[in-house]
């Protein structure tokens, strides 16, 4: 227990931004080199999931523990 005037909080957020699918065609032979009359190409396919996970913590102090605000002039 922190005490009557202290406030603690914790928050967790998950955000998903979807998936990106892509295929890259990459040459596997040096430029200008032909194998059996054609350049050799390697295909690489991948999926990329975009997401974030965030955790925040907070600590605060209440100056008036009674909950009544008074103003003096």
PDB file of N, CA and C in Angstrom:
ATOM      1  N   UNK A   1       0.844  -1.179   0.000  1.00  0.00           N
ATOM      2  CA  UNK A   1       0.000   0.000   0.000  1.00  0.00           C
ATOM      3  C   UNK A   1       0.889   1.242   0.000  1.00  0.00           C
ATOM      4  N   UNK A   2       0.536   2.167  -0.852  1.00  0.00           N
ATOM      5  CA  UNK A   2       1.346   3.370  -1.003  1.00  0.00           C
ATOM      6  C   UNK A   2       0.997   4.450   0.005  1.00  0.00           C
ATOM      7  N   UNK A   3      -0.200   4.498   0.486  1.00  0.00           N
ATOM      8  CA  UNK A   3      -0.661   5.556   1.371  1.00  0.00           C
ATOM      9  C   UNK A   3      -1.919   6.170   0.804  1.00  0.00           C
ATOM     10  N   UNK A   4      -2.611   6.974   1.615  1.00  0.00           N
ATOM     11  CA  UNK A   4      -3.907   7.509   1.191  1.00  0.00           C
ATOM     12  C   UNK A   4      -3.804   8.576   0.105  1.00  0.00           C
ATOM     13  N   UNK A   5      -2.684   9.230  -0.038  1.00  0.00           N
ATOM     14  CA  UNK A   5      -2.561  10.305  -1.030  1.00  0.00           C
ATOM     15  C   UNK A   5      -1.880   9.869  -2.319  1.00  0.00           C
ATOM     16  N   UNK A   6      -1.402   8.681  -2.382  1.00  0.00           N
ATOM     17  CA  UNK A   6      -0.682   8.223  -3.569  1.00  0.00           C
ATOM     18  C   UNK A   6      -1.585   7.394  -4.477  1.00  0.00           C
ATOM     19  N   UNK A   7      -1.412   7.561  -5.776  1.00  0.00           N
ATOM     20  CA  UNK A   7      -2.165   6.809  -6.779  1.00  0.00           C
ATOM     21  C   UNK A   7      -1.154   6.144  -7.717  1.00  0.00           C
ATOM     22  N   UNK A   8      -1.339   4.852  -7.952  1.00  0.00           N
ATOM     23  CA  UNK A   8      -0.485   4.127  -8.907  1.00  0.00           C
ATOM     24  C   UNK A   8      -1.373   3.594 -10.026  1.00  0.00           C
ATOM     25  N   UNK A   9      -0.826   3.546 -11.234  1.00  0.00           N
ATOM     26  CA  UNK A   9      -1.591   3.019 -12.363  1.00  0.00           C
ATOM     27  C   UNK A   9      -0.656   2.261 -13.293  1.00  0.00           C
ATOM     28  N   UNK A  10      -1.243   1.349 -14.026  1.00  0.00           N
ATOM     29  CA  UNK A  10      -0.518   0.598 -15.056  1.00  0.00           C
ATOM     30  C   UNK A  10      -1.457   0.429 -16.240  1.00  0.00           C
ATOM     31  N   UNK A  11      -0.878   0.451 -17.436  1.00  0.00           N
ATOM     32  CA  UNK A  11      -1.685   0.358 -18.646  1.00  0.00           C
ATOM     33  C   UNK A  11      -0.951  -0.485 -19.675  1.00  0.00           C
ATOM     34  N   UNK A  12      -1.691  -1.337 -20.371  1.00  0.00           N
ATOM     35  CA  UNK A  12      -1.133  -2.172 -21.442  1.00  0.00           C
ATOM     36  C   UNK A  12      -1.939  -1.912 -22.696  1.00  0.00           C
ATOM     37  N   UNK A  13      -1.255  -1.665 -23.799  1.00  0.00           N
ATOM     38  CA  UNK A  13      -1.926  -1.434 -25.087  1.00  0.00           C
ATOM     39  C   UNK A  13      -1.307  -2.314 -26.165  1.00  0.00           C
ATOM     40  N   UNK A  14      -2.169  -2.923 -26.938  1.00  0.00           N
ATOM     41  CA  UNK A  14      -1.742  -3.724 -28.089  1.00  0.00           C
ATOM     42  C   UNK A  14      -2.403  -3.132 -29.320  1.00  0.00           C
ATOM     43  N   UNK A  15      -1.626  -2.881 -30.352  1.00  0.00           N
ATOM     44  CA  UNK A  15      -2.156  -2.352 -31.609  1.00  0.00           C
ATOM     45  C   UNK A  15      -1.618  -3.188 -32.761  1.00  0.00           C
ATOM     46  N   UNK A  16      -2.523  -3.669 -33.603  1.00  0.00           N
ATOM     47  CA  UNK A  16      -2.138  -4.457 -34.776  1.00  0.00           C
ATOM     48  C   UNK A  16      -2.418  -3.627 -36.022  1.00  0.00           C
ATOM     49  N   UNK A  17      -1.438  -3.536 -36.899  1.00  0.00           N
ATOM     50  CA  UNK A  17      -1.566  -2.735 -38.114  1.00  0.00           C
ATOM     51  C   UNK A  17      -1.646  -3.595 -39.365  1.00  0.00           C
ATOM     52  N   UNK A  18      -1.924  -4.893 -39.197  1.00  0.00           N
ATOM     53  CA  UNK A  18      -2.117  -5.774 -40.344  1.00  0.00           C
ATOM     54  C   UNK A  18      -0.842  -6.487 -40.767  1.00  0.00           C
ATOM     55  N   UNK A  19      -0.940  -7.127 -41.917  1.00  0.00           N
ATOM     56  CA  UNK A  19       0.153  -7.930 -42.452  1.00  0.00           C
ATOM     57  C   UNK A  19       0.487  -7.464 -43.863  1.00  0.00           C
ATOM     58  N   UNK A  20       1.772  -7.437 -44.164  1.00  0.00           N
ATOM     59  CA  UNK A  20       2.248  -7.106 -45.508  1.00  0.00           C
ATOM     60  C   UNK A  20       2.872  -8.366 -46.099  1.00  0.00           C
ATOM     61  N   UNK A  21       2.442  -8.733 -47.291  1.00  0.00           N
ATOM     62  CA  UNK A  21       3.030  -9.867 -48.004  1.00  0.00           C
ATOM     63  C   UNK A  21       3.825  -9.331 -49.184  1.00  0.00           C
ATOM     64  N   UNK A  22       5.024  -9.883 -49.397  1.00  0.00           N
ATOM     65  CA  UNK A  22       5.877  -9.392 -50.472  1.00  0.00           C
ATOM     66  C   UNK A  22       6.711 -10.540 -51.043  1.00  0.00           C
ATOM     67  N   UNK A  23       7.057 -10.420 -52.303  1.00  0.00           N
ATOM     68  CA  UNK A  23       7.960 -11.365 -52.959  1.00  0.00           C
ATOM     69  C   UNK A  23       9.055 -10.568 -53.644  1.00  0.00           C
ATOM     70  N   UNK A  24      10.311 -10.876 -53.309  1.00  0.00           N
ATOM     71  CA  UNK A  24      11.462 -10.225 -53.929  1.00  0.00           C
ATOM     72  C   UNK A  24      12.105 -11.189 -54.916  1.00  0.00           C
ATOM     73  N   UNK A  25      12.428 -10.677 -56.088  1.00  0.00           N
ATOM     74  CA  UNK A  25      13.183 -11.435 -57.080  1.00  0.00           C
ATOM     75  C   UNK A  25      14.598 -10.878 -57.099  1.00  0.00           C
ATOM     76  N   UNK A  26      15.553 -11.725 -56.722  1.00  0.00           N
ATOM     77  CA  UNK A  26      16.942 -11.278 -56.591  1.00  0.00           C
ATOM     78  C   UNK A  26      17.826 -12.061 -57.550  1.00  0.00           C
ATOM     79  N   UNK A  27      18.685 -11.368 -58.293  1.00  0.00           N
ATOM     80  CA  UNK A  27      19.607 -12.077 -59.185  1.00  0.00           C
ATOM     81  C   UNK A  27      20.649 -12.841 -58.377  1.00  0.00           C
ATOM     82  N   UNK A  28      20.930 -14.073 -58.780  1.00  0.00           N
ATOM     83  CA  UNK A  28      21.923 -14.880 -58.072  1.00  0.00           C
ATOM     84  C   UNK A  28      23.227 -14.992 -58.849  1.00  0.00           C
ATOM     85  N   UNK A  29      23.253 -14.454 -60.063  1.00  0.00           N
ATOM     86  CA  UNK A  29      24.481 -14.452 -60.854  1.00  0.00           C
ATOM     87  C   UNK A  29      24.944 -13.011 -61.015  1.00  0.00           C
ATOM     88  N   UNK A  30      26.241 -12.785 -61.191  1.00  0.00           N
ATOM     89  CA  UNK A  30      26.723 -11.419 -61.417  1.00  0.00           C
ATOM     90  C   UNK A  30      26.048 -10.793 -62.629  1.00  0.00           C
ATOM     91  N   UNK A  31      25.920  -9.483 -62.597  1.00  0.00           N
ATOM     92  CA  UNK A  31      25.234  -8.767 -63.665  1.00  0.00           C
ATOM     93  C   UNK A  31      25.913  -9.019 -65.006  1.00  0.00           C
ATOM     94  N   UNK A  32      25.121  -9.337 -66.015  1.00  0.00           N
ATOM     95  CA  UNK A  32      25.641  -9.600 -67.354  1.00  0.00           C
ATOM     96  C   UNK A  32      26.024 -11.052 -67.586  1.00  0.00           C
ATOM     97  N   UNK A  33      25.977 -11.893 -66.533  1.00  0.00           N
ATOM     98  CA  UNK A  33      26.324 -13.302 -66.682  1.00  0.00           C
ATOM     99  C   UNK A  33      25.054 -14.094 -66.982  1.00  0.00           C
ATOM    100  N   UNK A  34      25.131 -14.939 -67.975  1.00  0.00           N
ATOM    101  CA  UNK A  34      23.984 -15.762 -68.335  1.00  0.00           C
ATOM    102  C   UNK A  34      24.296 -17.222 -68.063  1.00  0.00           C
ATOM    103  N   UNK A  35      23.333 -17.947 -67.531  1.00  0.00           N
ATOM    104  CA  UNK A  35      23.460 -19.386 -67.328  1.00  0.00           C
ATOM    105  C   UNK A  35      22.388 -20.036 -68.184  1.00  0.00           C
ATOM    106  N   UNK A  36      22.816 -20.890 -69.110  1.00  0.00           N
ATOM    107  CA  UNK A  36      21.897 -21.517 -70.073  1.00  0.00           C
ATOM    108  C   UNK A  36      21.081 -20.469 -70.819  1.00  0.00           C
ATOM    109  N   UNK A  37      21.683 -19.326 -71.134  1.00  0.00           N
ATOM    110  CA  UNK A  37      21.040 -18.295 -71.941  1.00  0.00           C
ATOM    111  C   UNK A  37      20.148 -17.329 -71.177  1.00  0.00           C
ATOM    112  N   UNK A  38      20.029 -17.479 -69.863  1.00  0.00           N
ATOM    113  CA  UNK A  38      19.161 -16.574 -69.099  1.00  0.00           C
ATOM    114  C   UNK A  38      19.790 -16.268 -67.735  1.00  0.00           C
ATOM    115  N   UNK A  39      19.561 -15.069 -67.206  1.00  0.00           N
ATOM    116  CA  UNK A  39      20.079 -14.767 -65.878  1.00  0.00           C
ATOM    117  C   UNK A  39      19.344 -15.611 -64.818  1.00  0.00           C
ATOM    118  N   UNK A  40      20.037 -15.998 -63.777  1.00  0.00           N
ATOM    119  CA  UNK A  40      19.428 -16.783 -62.704  1.00  0.00           C
ATOM    120  C   UNK A  40      18.829 -15.838 -61.663  1.00  0.00           C
ATOM    121  N   UNK A  41      17.612 -16.122 -61.245  1.00  0.00           N
ATOM    122  CA  UNK A  41      16.892 -15.280 -60.293  1.00  0.00           C
ATOM    123  C   UNK A  41      16.388 -16.151 -59.151  1.00  0.00           C
ATOM    124  N   UNK A  42      16.544 -15.655 -57.951  1.00  0.00           N
ATOM    125  CA  UNK A  42      16.038 -16.334 -56.768  1.00  0.00           C
ATOM    126  C   UNK A  42      14.852 -15.533 -56.231  1.00  0.00           C
ATOM    127  N   UNK A  43      13.746 -16.198 -55.940  1.00  0.00           N
ATOM    128  CA  UNK A  43      12.557 -15.539 -55.394  1.00  0.00           C
ATOM    129  C   UNK A  43      12.483 -15.793 -53.891  1.00  0.00           C
ATOM    130  N   UNK A  44      12.246 -14.711 -53.154  1.00  0.00           N
ATOM    131  CA  UNK A  44      12.098 -14.805 -51.711  1.00  0.00           C
ATOM    132  C   UNK A  44      10.743 -14.195 -51.353  1.00  0.00           C
ATOM    133  N   UNK A  45       9.872 -14.997 -50.734  1.00  0.00           N
ATOM    134  CA  UNK A  45       8.549 -14.519 -50.317  1.00  0.00           C
ATOM    135  C   UNK A  45       8.515 -14.439 -48.793  1.00  0.00           C
ATOM    136  N   UNK A  46       7.882 -13.390 -48.273  1.00  0.00           N
ATOM    137  CA  UNK A  46       7.774 -13.245 -46.833  1.00  0.00           C
ATOM    138  C   UNK A  46       6.521 -12.461 -46.460  1.00  0.00           C
ATOM    139  N   UNK A  47       6.060 -12.678 -45.222  1.00  0.00           N
ATOM    140  CA  UNK A  47       4.951 -11.939 -44.628  1.00  0.00           C
ATOM    141  C   UNK A  47       5.488 -11.180 -43.423  1.00  0.00           C
ATOM    142  N   UNK A  48       5.061  -9.950 -43.273  1.00  0.00           N
ATOM    143  CA  UNK A  48       5.519  -9.097 -42.180  1.00  0.00           C
ATOM    144  C   UNK A  48       4.303  -8.628 -41.389  1.00  0.00           C
ATOM    145  N   UNK A  49       4.226  -9.025 -40.106  1.00  0.00           N
ATOM    146  CA  UNK A  49       3.148  -8.570 -39.230  1.00  0.00           C
ATOM    147  C   UNK A  49       3.595  -7.302 -38.514  1.00  0.00           C
ATOM    148  N   UNK A  50       2.769  -6.266 -38.599  1.00  0.00           N
ATOM    149  CA  UNK A  50       3.082  -4.994 -37.956  1.00  0.00           C
ATOM    150  C   UNK A  50       2.216  -4.831 -36.715  1.00  0.00           C
ATOM    151  N   UNK A  51       2.848  -4.801 -35.535  1.00  0.00           N
ATOM    152  CA  UNK A  51       2.124  -4.663 -34.278  1.00  0.00           C
ATOM    153  C   UNK A  51       3.017  -3.993 -33.241  1.00  0.00           C
ATOM    154  N   UNK A  52       2.376  -3.330 -32.277  1.00  0.00           N
ATOM    155  CA  UNK A  52       3.105  -2.743 -31.156  1.00  0.00           C
ATOM    156  C   UNK A  52       2.480  -3.217 -29.851  1.00  0.00           C
ATOM    157  N   UNK A  53       3.300  -3.333 -28.839  1.00  0.00           N
ATOM    158  CA  UNK A  53       2.851  -3.638 -27.485  1.00  0.00           C
ATOM    159  C   UNK A  53       3.517  -2.622 -26.560  1.00  0.00           C
ATOM    160  N   UNK A  54       2.696  -1.870 -25.820  1.00  0.00           N
ATOM    161  CA  UNK A  54       3.210  -0.794 -24.987  1.00  0.00           C
ATOM    162  C   UNK A  54       2.693  -0.963 -23.556  1.00  0.00           C
ATOM    163  N   UNK A  55       3.583  -0.833 -22.595  1.00  0.00           N
ATOM    164  CA  UNK A  55       3.216  -0.858 -21.178  1.00  0.00           C
ATOM    165  C   UNK A  55       3.677   0.457 -20.563  1.00  0.00           C
ATOM    166  N   UNK A  56       2.767   1.118 -19.844  1.00  0.00           N
ATOM    167  CA  UNK A  56       3.128   2.354 -19.143  1.00  0.00           C
ATOM    168  C   UNK A  56       2.758   2.226 -17.668  1.00  0.00           C
ATOM    169  N   UNK A  57       3.531   2.880 -16.839  1.00  0.00           N
ATOM    170  CA  UNK A  57       3.300   2.913 -15.405  1.00  0.00           C
ATOM    171  C   UNK A  57       3.266   4.365 -14.971  1.00  0.00           C
ATOM    172  N   UNK A  58       2.455   4.660 -13.972  1.00  0.00           N
ATOM    173  CA  UNK A  58       2.376   6.025 -13.479  1.00  0.00           C
ATOM    174  C   UNK A  58       2.237   6.059 -11.971  1.00  0.00           C
ATOM    175  N   UNK A  59       2.682   7.149 -11.401  1.00  0.00           N
ATOM    176  CA  UNK A  59       2.601   7.359  -9.964  1.00  0.00           C
ATOM    177  C   UNK A  59       2.217   8.814  -9.727  1.00  0.00           C
ATOM    178  N   UNK A  60       1.178   9.044  -8.922  1.00  0.00           N
ATOM    179  CA  UNK A  60       0.720  10.404  -8.671  1.00  0.00           C
ATOM    180  C   UNK A  60       0.468  10.645  -7.203  1.00  0.00           C
ATOM    181  N   UNK A  61       0.409  11.914  -6.833  1.00  0.00           N
ATOM    182  CA  UNK A  61       0.166  12.299  -5.445  1.00  0.00           C
ATOM    183  C   UNK A  61      -1.022  13.242  -5.398  1.00  0.00           C
ATOM    184  N   UNK A  62      -2.006  12.941  -4.555  1.00  0.00           N
ATOM    185  CA  UNK A  62      -3.162  13.817  -4.353  1.00  0.00           C
ATOM    186  C   UNK A  62      -2.840  14.759  -3.202  1.00  0.00           C
ATOM    187  N   UNK A  63      -2.923  16.065  -3.432  1.00  0.00           N
ATOM    188  CA  UNK A  63      -2.590  17.032  -2.395  1.00  0.00           C
ATOM    189  C   UNK A  63      -3.698  17.191  -1.358  1.00  0.00           C
ATOM    190  N   UNK A  64      -4.962  16.980  -1.744  1.00  0.00           N
ATOM    191  CA  UNK A  64      -6.072  17.100  -0.809  1.00  0.00           C
ATOM    192  C   UNK A  64      -6.670  15.721  -0.598  1.00  0.00           C
ATOM    193  N   UNK A  65      -6.414  15.098   0.544  1.00  0.00           N
ATOM    194  CA  UNK A  65      -6.885  13.737   0.776  1.00  0.00           C
ATOM    195  C   UNK A  65      -8.370  13.663   1.102  1.00  0.00           C
ATOM    196  N   UNK A  66      -9.020  14.779   1.468  1.00  0.00           N
ATOM    197  CA  UNK A  66     -10.453  14.775   1.792  1.00  0.00           C
ATOM    198  C   UNK A  66     -11.322  14.875   0.553  1.00  0.00           C
ATOM    199  N   UNK A  67     -10.781  15.288  -0.540  1.00  0.00           N
ATOM    200  CA  UNK A  67     -11.559  15.443  -1.757  1.00  0.00           C
ATOM    201  C   UNK A  67     -12.294  16.769  -1.843  1.00  0.00           C
ATOM    202  N   UNK A  68     -12.071  17.655  -0.905  1.00  0.00           N
ATOM    203  CA  UNK A  68     -12.750  18.969  -0.883  1.00  0.00           C
ATOM    204  C   UNK A  68     -11.713  20.037  -1.206  1.00  0.00           C
ATOM    205  N   UNK A  69     -12.013  20.813  -2.226  1.00  0.00           N
ATOM    206  CA  UNK A  69     -11.113  21.901  -2.603  1.00  0.00           C
ATOM    207  C   UNK A  69     -11.594  23.191  -1.960  1.00  0.00           C
ATOM    208  N   UNK A  70     -10.715  23.889  -1.307  1.00  0.00           N
ATOM    209  CA  UNK A  70     -11.070  25.178  -0.696  1.00  0.00           C
ATOM    210  C   UNK A  70     -10.155  26.247  -1.260  1.00  0.00           C
ATOM    211  N   UNK A  71     -10.720  27.431  -1.453  1.00  0.00           N
ATOM    212  CA  UNK A  71      -9.956  28.560  -1.956  1.00  0.00           C
ATOM    213  C   UNK A  71     -10.051  29.705  -0.967  1.00  0.00           C
ATOM    214  N   UNK A  72      -8.942  30.303  -0.648  1.00  0.00           N
ATOM    215  CA  UNK A  72      -8.922  31.437   0.279  1.00  0.00           C
ATOM    216  C   UNK A  72      -8.398  32.666  -0.444  1.00  0.00           C
ATOM    217  N   UNK A  73      -9.091  33.802  -0.225  1.00  0.00           N
ATOM    218  CA  UNK A  73      -8.661  35.051  -0.845  1.00  0.00           C
ATOM    219  C   UNK A  73      -8.134  35.984   0.185  1.00  0.00           C
TER     220      UNK A  73
END
